[in-house]
Amino acid sequence: MLKMILCVWFICVSALVQAGEVNATEAPKKLTEFLNGIQSMQATFEQWVMDGKQNALQNVTGTMWIQRPGQFRWDTDEPYPQQIVSDGKELWIYDLDLEQATKKTLDKQVGNTPALLLSGDPSKIADSFQVTAYLFDETGEWRFDLRPKDKESLFALLRVHFYHTQLRDMYLEDSLGQTTRIEFKPVQINKPIDPSQFKLKLDDSVDVIEES
């Protein structure tokens, strides 16, 4: 057991040593370059949520679509079926079990809506975040750590991981230590997406709540 722990420790330390931190000025430019290469994206995902003591709170799967400018959709499967949809102007959150949908104006601040990191304007990244980047030379992997400048942001850290230029996963941590990790697979980049994906279709039985 001790041997196994030491091996894992050695691998982790080696990865940290091999990771080179990118110049602070170049970090947001590199992230912007990667994001500019994603005009549309669709993928299945698995999401894990843990509390501040690393106790599992939720593990769900789903499908996501994004398309610039500002359009995105995240459909979560059972046991927590939910649809989060935006056409770039309005944001809908539909809880299927409750037959309830909340409609609100989309907050264009990336620091408040992480999905806008993928569907919003990449040139505004540096306005909303302090960006740190690390390059793992041997694997071609990039890690970007984004810390919101807005103290009212929903999260304290957003970590984005690319393999070469392909988005692999996202990691979020809030001020209480709760973490969310989203792994994307498989990923389809820059393929046409039907505009109807970003329109929420509701039955008359659904209760709609409008928020300003």
C-alpha atoms as a PDB file:
ATOM      1  CA  MET A   1       0.000   0.000   0.000  1.00  0.00           C
ATOM      2  CA  LEU A   2       2.820   2.399   0.938  1.00  0.00           C
ATOM      3  CA  LYS A   3       4.559   1.604  -2.340  1.00  0.00           C
ATOM      4  CA  MET A   4       1.388   2.455  -4.265  1.00  0.00           C
ATOM      5  CA  ILE A   5       0.963   5.765  -2.398  1.00  0.00           C
ATOM      6  CA  LEU A   6       4.585   6.700  -3.093  1.00  0.00           C
ATOM      7  CA  CYS A   7       4.153   5.888  -6.792  1.00  0.00           C
ATOM      8  CA  VAL A   8       1.055   8.089  -7.050  1.00  0.00           C
ATOM      9  CA  TRP A   9       2.839  10.882  -5.167  1.00  0.00           C
ATOM     10  CA  PHE A  10       5.852  10.639  -7.491  1.00  0.00           C
ATOM     11  CA  ILE A  11       3.638  10.800 -10.591  1.00  0.00           C
ATOM     12  CA  CYS A  12       1.804  13.864  -9.282  1.00  0.00           C
ATOM     13  CA  VAL A  13       5.036  15.643  -8.334  1.00  0.00           C
ATOM     14  CA  SER A  14       6.582  14.803 -11.715  1.00  0.00           C
ATOM     15  CA  ALA A  15       3.552  16.272 -13.516  1.00  0.00           C
ATOM     16  CA  LEU A  16       3.840  19.463 -11.489  1.00  0.00           C
ATOM     17  CA  VAL A  17       7.544  19.775 -12.264  1.00  0.00           C
ATOM     18  CA  GLN A  18       6.970  19.271 -15.967  1.00  0.00           C
ATOM     19  CA  ALA A  19       4.219  21.881 -16.087  1.00  0.00           C
ATOM     20  CA  GLY A  20       5.563  25.235 -17.210  1.00  0.00           C
ATOM     21  CA  GLU A  21       3.714  28.373 -16.124  1.00  0.00           C
ATOM     22  CA  VAL A  22       3.003  30.682 -19.052  1.00  0.00           C
ATOM     23  CA  ASN A  23       3.816  34.384 -18.938  1.00  0.00           C
ATOM     24  CA  ALA A  24       0.993  36.325 -17.251  1.00  0.00           C
ATOM     25  CA  THR A  25       0.497  38.525 -20.297  1.00  0.00           C
ATOM     26  CA  GLU A  26       0.369  35.582 -22.689  1.00  0.00           C
ATOM     27  CA  ALA A  27      -1.983  33.411 -20.604  1.00  0.00           C
ATOM     28  CA  PRO A  28      -5.272  35.211 -21.446  1.00  0.00           C
ATOM     29  CA  LYS A  29      -4.156  35.570 -25.076  1.00  0.00           C
ATOM     30  CA  LYS A  30      -3.617  31.813 -25.378  1.00  0.00           C
ATOM     31  CA  LEU A  31      -6.980  31.026 -23.797  1.00  0.00           C
ATOM     32  CA  THR A  32      -8.660  33.519 -26.124  1.00  0.00           C
ATOM     33  CA  GLU A  33      -6.954  31.824 -29.076  1.00  0.00           C
ATOM     34  CA  PHE A  34      -8.294  28.410 -28.038  1.00  0.00           C
ATOM     35  CA  LEU A  35     -11.810  29.738 -27.435  1.00  0.00           C
ATOM     36  CA  ASN A  36     -11.855  31.587 -30.763  1.00  0.00           C
ATOM     37  CA  GLY A  37     -11.308  28.203 -32.378  1.00  0.00           C
ATOM     38  CA  ILE A  38     -14.611  26.978 -30.904  1.00  0.00           C
ATOM     39  CA  GLN A  39     -17.485  28.630 -32.771  1.00  0.00           C
ATOM     40  CA  SER A  40     -19.794  25.744 -31.942  1.00  0.00           C
ATOM     41  CA  MET A  41     -19.498  22.630 -29.820  1.00  0.00           C
ATOM     42  CA  GLN A  42     -21.617  19.654 -28.857  1.00  0.00           C
ATOM     43  CA  ALA A  43     -20.734  16.846 -26.489  1.00  0.00           C
ATOM     44  CA  THR A  44     -21.991  14.452 -23.878  1.00  0.00           C
ATOM     45  CA  PHE A  45     -20.713  15.112 -20.370  1.00  0.00           C
ATOM     46  CA  GLU A  46     -20.422  13.630 -16.910  1.00  0.00           C
ATOM     47  CA  GLN A  47     -20.599  15.937 -13.928  1.00  0.00           C
ATOM     48  CA  TRP A  48     -19.487  15.376 -10.330  1.00  0.00           C
ATOM     49  CA  VAL A  49     -20.384  17.723  -7.464  1.00  0.00           C
ATOM     50  CA  MET A  50     -18.667  17.483  -4.056  1.00  0.00           C
ATOM     51  CA  ASP A  51     -18.997  19.525  -0.883  1.00  0.00           C
ATOM     52  CA  GLY A  52     -16.175  21.305   0.946  1.00  0.00           C
ATOM     53  CA  LYS A  53     -15.220  18.048   2.717  1.00  0.00           C
ATOM     54  CA  GLN A  54     -15.089  16.165  -0.605  1.00  0.00           C
ATOM     55  CA  ASN A  55     -18.283  14.231   0.082  1.00  0.00           C
ATOM     56  CA  ALA A  56     -20.132  13.333  -3.122  1.00  0.00           C
ATOM     57  CA  LEU A  57     -23.327  15.340  -3.601  1.00  0.00           C
ATOM     58  CA  GLN A  58     -24.239  14.569  -7.178  1.00  0.00           C
ATOM     59  CA  ASN A  59     -23.136  12.564 -10.201  1.00  0.00           C
ATOM     60  CA  VAL A  60     -25.059  13.148 -13.429  1.00  0.00           C
ATOM     61  CA  THR A  61     -24.672  12.790 -17.180  1.00  0.00           C
ATOM     62  CA  GLY A  62     -26.094  14.843 -20.011  1.00  0.00           C
ATOM     63  CA  THR A  63     -25.634  16.537 -23.362  1.00  0.00           C
ATOM     64  CA  MET A  64     -24.541  20.081 -24.156  1.00  0.00           C
ATOM     65  CA  TRP A  65     -24.521  22.386 -27.181  1.00  0.00           C
ATOM     66  CA  ILE A  66     -22.980  25.854 -27.534  1.00  0.00           C
ATOM     67  CA  GLN A  67     -22.852  28.253 -30.431  1.00  0.00           C
ATOM     68  CA  ARG A  68     -21.539  31.772 -30.608  1.00  0.00           C
ATOM     69  CA  PRO A  69     -22.726  34.338 -29.900  1.00  0.00           C
ATOM     70  CA  GLY A  70     -24.249  33.497 -26.534  1.00  0.00           C
ATOM     71  CA  GLN A  71     -26.316  30.418 -27.375  1.00  0.00           C
ATOM     72  CA  PHE A  72     -26.050  27.337 -25.184  1.00  0.00           C
ATOM     73  CA  ARG A  73     -28.003  24.365 -23.930  1.00  0.00           C
ATOM     74  CA  TRP A  74     -27.225  21.908 -21.112  1.00  0.00           C
ATOM     75  CA  ASP A  75     -29.572  18.924 -20.750  1.00  0.00           C
ATOM     76  CA  THR A  76     -29.064  16.834 -17.632  1.00  0.00           C
ATOM     77  CA  ASP A  77     -30.318  13.239 -17.513  1.00  0.00           C
ATOM     78  CA  GLU A  78     -32.017  11.322 -14.697  1.00  0.00           C
ATOM     79  CA  PRO A  79     -32.108  11.378 -11.717  1.00  0.00           C
ATOM     80  CA  TYR A  80     -32.048  15.212 -11.939  1.00  0.00           C
ATOM     81  CA  PRO A  81     -33.548  16.001 -15.359  1.00  0.00           C
ATOM     82  CA  GLN A  82     -33.078  19.655 -16.151  1.00  0.00           C
ATOM     83  CA  GLN A  83     -32.688  21.826 -19.254  1.00  0.00           C
ATOM     84  CA  ILE A  84     -30.766  25.116 -19.236  1.00  0.00           C
ATOM     85  CA  VAL A  85     -31.256  26.962 -22.516  1.00  0.00           C
ATOM     86  CA  SER A  86     -30.263  30.381 -23.845  1.00  0.00           C
ATOM     87  CA  ASP A  87     -30.811  31.990 -27.225  1.00  0.00           C
ATOM     88  CA  GLY A  88     -28.298  34.714 -26.379  1.00  0.00           C
ATOM     89  CA  LYS A  89     -30.886  37.048 -24.844  1.00  0.00           C
ATOM     90  CA  GLU A  90     -33.010  35.007 -22.465  1.00  0.00           C
ATOM     91  CA  LEU A  91     -32.062  32.198 -20.104  1.00  0.00           C
ATOM     92  CA  TRP A  92     -34.456  29.377 -19.286  1.00  0.00           C
ATOM     93  CA  ILE A  93     -34.038  26.823 -16.492  1.00  0.00           C
ATOM     94  CA  TYR A  94     -36.560  24.010 -16.788  1.00  0.00           C
ATOM     95  CA  ASP A  95     -36.926  21.383 -14.048  1.00  0.00           C
ATOM     96  CA  LEU A  96     -38.788  18.530 -15.705  1.00  0.00           C
ATOM     97  CA  ASP A  97     -39.772  16.703 -12.491  1.00  0.00           C
ATOM     98  CA  LEU A  98     -41.312  19.860 -11.025  1.00  0.00           C
ATOM     99  CA  GLU A  99     -42.881  20.900 -14.333  1.00  0.00           C
ATOM    100  CA  GLN A 100     -41.519  24.372 -13.610  1.00  0.00           C
ATOM    101  CA  ALA A 101     -39.462  26.737 -15.779  1.00  0.00           C
ATOM    102  CA  THR A 102     -37.718  29.941 -14.760  1.00  0.00           C
ATOM    103  CA  LYS A 103     -37.161  32.644 -17.384  1.00  0.00           C
ATOM    104  CA  LYS A 104     -34.691  35.480 -16.883  1.00  0.00           C
ATOM    105  CA  THR A 105     -32.595  37.927 -18.865  1.00  0.00           C
ATOM    106  CA  LEU A 106     -29.199  36.423 -19.636  1.00  0.00           C
ATOM    107  CA  ASP A 107     -26.416  37.841 -17.475  1.00  0.00           C
ATOM    108  CA  LYS A 108     -23.664  38.615 -19.981  1.00  0.00           C
ATOM    109  CA  GLN A 109     -21.018  38.626 -17.245  1.00  0.00           C
ATOM    110  CA  VAL A 110     -18.923  35.505 -17.796  1.00  0.00           C
ATOM    111  CA  GLY A 111     -18.028  35.489 -14.094  1.00  0.00           C
ATOM    112  CA  ASN A 112     -21.676  34.839 -13.248  1.00  0.00           C
ATOM    113  CA  THR A 113     -22.503  32.413 -16.052  1.00  0.00           C
ATOM    114  CA  PRO A 114     -19.671  29.931 -16.722  1.00  0.00           C
ATOM    115  CA  ALA A 115     -21.365  28.666 -19.911  1.00  0.00           C
ATOM    116  CA  LEU A 116     -20.661  32.072 -21.428  1.00  0.00           C
ATOM    117  CA  LEU A 117     -16.959  31.251 -21.276  1.00  0.00           C
ATOM    118  CA  LEU A 118     -17.644  28.863 -24.158  1.00  0.00           C
ATOM    119  CA  SER A 119     -20.401  30.783 -25.942  1.00  0.00           C
ATOM    120  CA  GLY A 120     -19.544  34.430 -25.203  1.00  0.00           C
ATOM    121  CA  ASP A 121     -16.953  36.856 -26.529  1.00  0.00           C
ATOM    122  CA  PRO A 122     -13.439  35.447 -25.871  1.00  0.00           C
ATOM    123  CA  SER A 123     -11.873  38.910 -26.166  1.00  0.00           C
ATOM    124  CA  LYS A 124     -13.543  39.890 -22.867  1.00  0.00           C
ATOM    125  CA  ILE A 125     -11.963  37.102 -20.810  1.00  0.00           C
ATOM    126  CA  ALA A 126      -9.280  39.368 -19.337  1.00  0.00           C
ATOM    127  CA  ASP A 127     -11.971  41.877 -18.298  1.00  0.00           C
ATOM    128  CA  SER A 128     -13.682  39.300 -16.093  1.00  0.00           C
ATOM    129  CA  PHE A 129     -10.837  37.071 -14.914  1.00  0.00           C
ATOM    130  CA  GLN A 130      -7.259  36.895 -13.783  1.00  0.00           C
ATOM    131  CA  VAL A 131      -5.890  34.087 -15.924  1.00  0.00           C
ATOM    132  CA  THR A 132      -2.998  31.752 -15.121  1.00  0.00           C
ATOM    133  CA  ALA A 133      -1.877  29.152 -17.672  1.00  0.00           C
ATOM    134  CA  TYR A 134       0.278  26.028 -17.466  1.00  0.00           C
ATOM    135  CA  LEU A 135       1.642  23.977 -20.359  1.00  0.00           C
ATOM    136  CA  PHE A 136       2.550  20.293 -19.943  1.00  0.00           C
ATOM    137  CA  ASP A 137       5.207  19.934 -22.646  1.00  0.00           C
ATOM    138  CA  GLU A 138       5.302  16.142 -22.798  1.00  0.00           C
ATOM    139  CA  THR A 139       1.570  15.717 -23.405  1.00  0.00           C
ATOM    140  CA  GLY A 140       0.633  18.986 -25.086  1.00  0.00           C
ATOM    141  CA  GLU A 141      -1.974  19.644 -22.401  1.00  0.00           C
ATOM    142  CA  TRP A 142      -2.948  23.139 -21.261  1.00  0.00           C
ATOM    143  CA  ARG A 143      -4.509  24.147 -17.952  1.00  0.00           C
ATOM    144  CA  PHE A 144      -6.034  27.572 -17.430  1.00  0.00           C
ATOM    145  CA  ASP A 145      -6.991  28.811 -13.967  1.00  0.00           C
ATOM    146  CA  LEU A 146      -9.497  31.668 -14.045  1.00  0.00           C
ATOM    147  CA  ARG A 147     -10.266  33.668 -10.919  1.00  0.00           C
ATOM    148  CA  PRO A 148     -13.154  36.154 -11.252  1.00  0.00           C
ATOM    149  CA  LYS A 149     -12.434  39.806 -10.574  1.00  0.00           C
ATOM    150  CA  ASP A 150     -16.060  40.344  -9.521  1.00  0.00           C
ATOM    151  CA  LYS A 151     -16.446  39.473  -5.834  1.00  0.00           C
ATOM    152  CA  GLU A 152     -20.121  38.656  -6.448  1.00  0.00           C
ATOM    153  CA  SER A 153     -19.233  35.844  -8.856  1.00  0.00           C
ATOM    154  CA  LEU A 154     -20.854  32.457  -8.327  1.00  0.00           C
ATOM    155  CA  PHE A 155     -17.474  30.747  -8.076  1.00  0.00           C
ATOM    156  CA  ALA A 156     -13.947  31.449  -6.837  1.00  0.00           C
ATOM    157  CA  LEU A 157     -12.056  29.345  -9.404  1.00  0.00           C
ATOM    158  CA  LEU A 158     -12.828  28.079 -12.886  1.00  0.00           C
ATOM    159  CA  ARG A 159     -10.248  25.665 -14.296  1.00  0.00           C
ATOM    160  CA  VAL A 160     -10.332  24.781 -18.002  1.00  0.00           C
ATOM    161  CA  HIS A 161      -8.294  21.885 -19.386  1.00  0.00           C
ATOM    162  CA  PHE A 162      -7.396  21.469 -23.066  1.00  0.00           C
ATOM    163  CA  TYR A 163      -5.622  18.588 -24.756  1.00  0.00           C
ATOM    164  CA  HIS A 164      -3.776  20.405 -27.534  1.00  0.00           C
ATOM    165  CA  THR A 165      -6.693  22.620 -28.688  1.00  0.00           C
ATOM    166  CA  GLN A 166      -9.617  20.379 -27.668  1.00  0.00           C
ATOM    167  CA  LEU A 167     -11.572  21.131 -24.521  1.00  0.00           C
ATOM    168  CA  ARG A 168     -11.397  18.165 -22.140  1.00  0.00           C
ATOM    169  CA  ASP A 169     -12.959  19.277 -18.859  1.00  0.00           C
ATOM    170  CA  MET A 170     -13.947  22.159 -16.598  1.00  0.00           C
ATOM    171  CA  TYR A 171     -13.603  22.434 -12.841  1.00  0.00           C
ATOM    172  CA  LEU A 172     -15.366  24.981 -10.622  1.00  0.00           C
ATOM    173  CA  GLU A 173     -14.909  25.794  -6.957  1.00  0.00           C
ATOM    174  CA  ASP A 174     -17.080  28.168  -4.934  1.00  0.00           C
ATOM    175  CA  SER A 175     -16.191  30.210  -1.850  1.00  0.00           C
ATOM    176  CA  LEU A 176     -17.409  27.418   0.467  1.00  0.00           C
ATOM    177  CA  GLY A 177     -15.173  24.812  -1.146  1.00  0.00           C
ATOM    178  CA  GLN A 178     -17.911  23.005  -3.065  1.00  0.00           C
ATOM    179  CA  THR A 179     -16.511  21.741  -6.344  1.00  0.00           C
ATOM    180  CA  THR A 180     -17.972  20.735  -9.696  1.00  0.00           C
ATOM    181  CA  ARG A 181     -16.056  18.829 -12.357  1.00  0.00           C
ATOM    182  CA  ILE A 182     -17.445  18.400 -15.867  1.00  0.00           C
ATOM    183  CA  GLU A 183     -15.784  16.011 -18.306  1.00  0.00           C
ATOM    184  CA  PHE A 184     -16.709  16.280 -21.988  1.00  0.00           C
ATOM    185  CA  LYS A 185     -16.702  13.280 -24.341  1.00  0.00           C
ATOM    186  CA  PRO A 186     -16.946  12.921 -27.242  1.00  0.00           C
ATOM    187  CA  VAL A 187     -16.572  16.498 -28.464  1.00  0.00           C
ATOM    188  CA  GLN A 188     -17.668  17.773 -31.870  1.00  0.00           C
ATOM    189  CA  ILE A 189     -16.273  21.169 -32.802  1.00  0.00           C
ATOM    190  CA  ASN A 190     -17.592  23.671 -35.374  1.00  0.00           C
ATOM    191  CA  LYS A 191     -20.310  21.477 -36.832  1.00  0.00           C
ATOM    192  CA  PRO A 192     -23.683  23.069 -37.713  1.00  0.00           C
ATOM    193  CA  ILE A 193     -26.260  23.051 -34.913  1.00  0.00           C
ATOM    194  CA  ASP A 194     -29.971  23.401 -35.598  1.00  0.00           C
ATOM    195  CA  PRO A 195     -31.136  26.788 -34.179  1.00  0.00           C
ATOM    196  CA  SER A 196     -34.135  25.026 -32.639  1.00  0.00           C
ATOM    197  CA  GLN A 197     -31.784  23.478 -30.053  1.00  0.00           C
ATOM    198  CA  PHE A 198     -31.636  26.898 -28.391  1.00  0.00           C
ATOM    199  CA  LYS A 199     -35.408  27.317 -28.172  1.00  0.00           C
ATOM    200  CA  LEU A 200     -37.166  25.738 -25.202  1.00  0.00           C
ATOM    201  CA  LYS A 201     -40.433  23.977 -26.018  1.00  0.00           C
ATOM    202  CA  LEU A 202     -42.850  23.816 -23.081  1.00  0.00           C
ATOM    203  CA  ASP A 203     -46.243  22.192 -22.607  1.00  0.00           C
ATOM    204  CA  ASP A 204     -49.135  24.294 -21.324  1.00  0.00           C
ATOM    205  CA  SER A 205     -48.949  22.327 -18.063  1.00  0.00           C
ATOM    206  CA  VAL A 206     -45.530  23.815 -17.190  1.00  0.00           C
ATOM    207  CA  ASP A 207     -45.535  26.587 -14.580  1.00  0.00           C
ATOM    208  CA  VAL A 208     -43.447  29.544 -15.829  1.00  0.00           C
ATOM    209  CA  ILE A 209     -41.763  31.955 -13.399  1.00  0.00           C
ATOM    210  CA  GLU A 210     -40.314  35.191 -14.806  1.00  0.00           C
ATOM    211  CA  GLU A 211     -37.416  36.893 -13.028  1.00  0.00           C
ATOM    212  CA  SER A 212     -35.945  40.280 -13.870  1.00  0.00           C
END
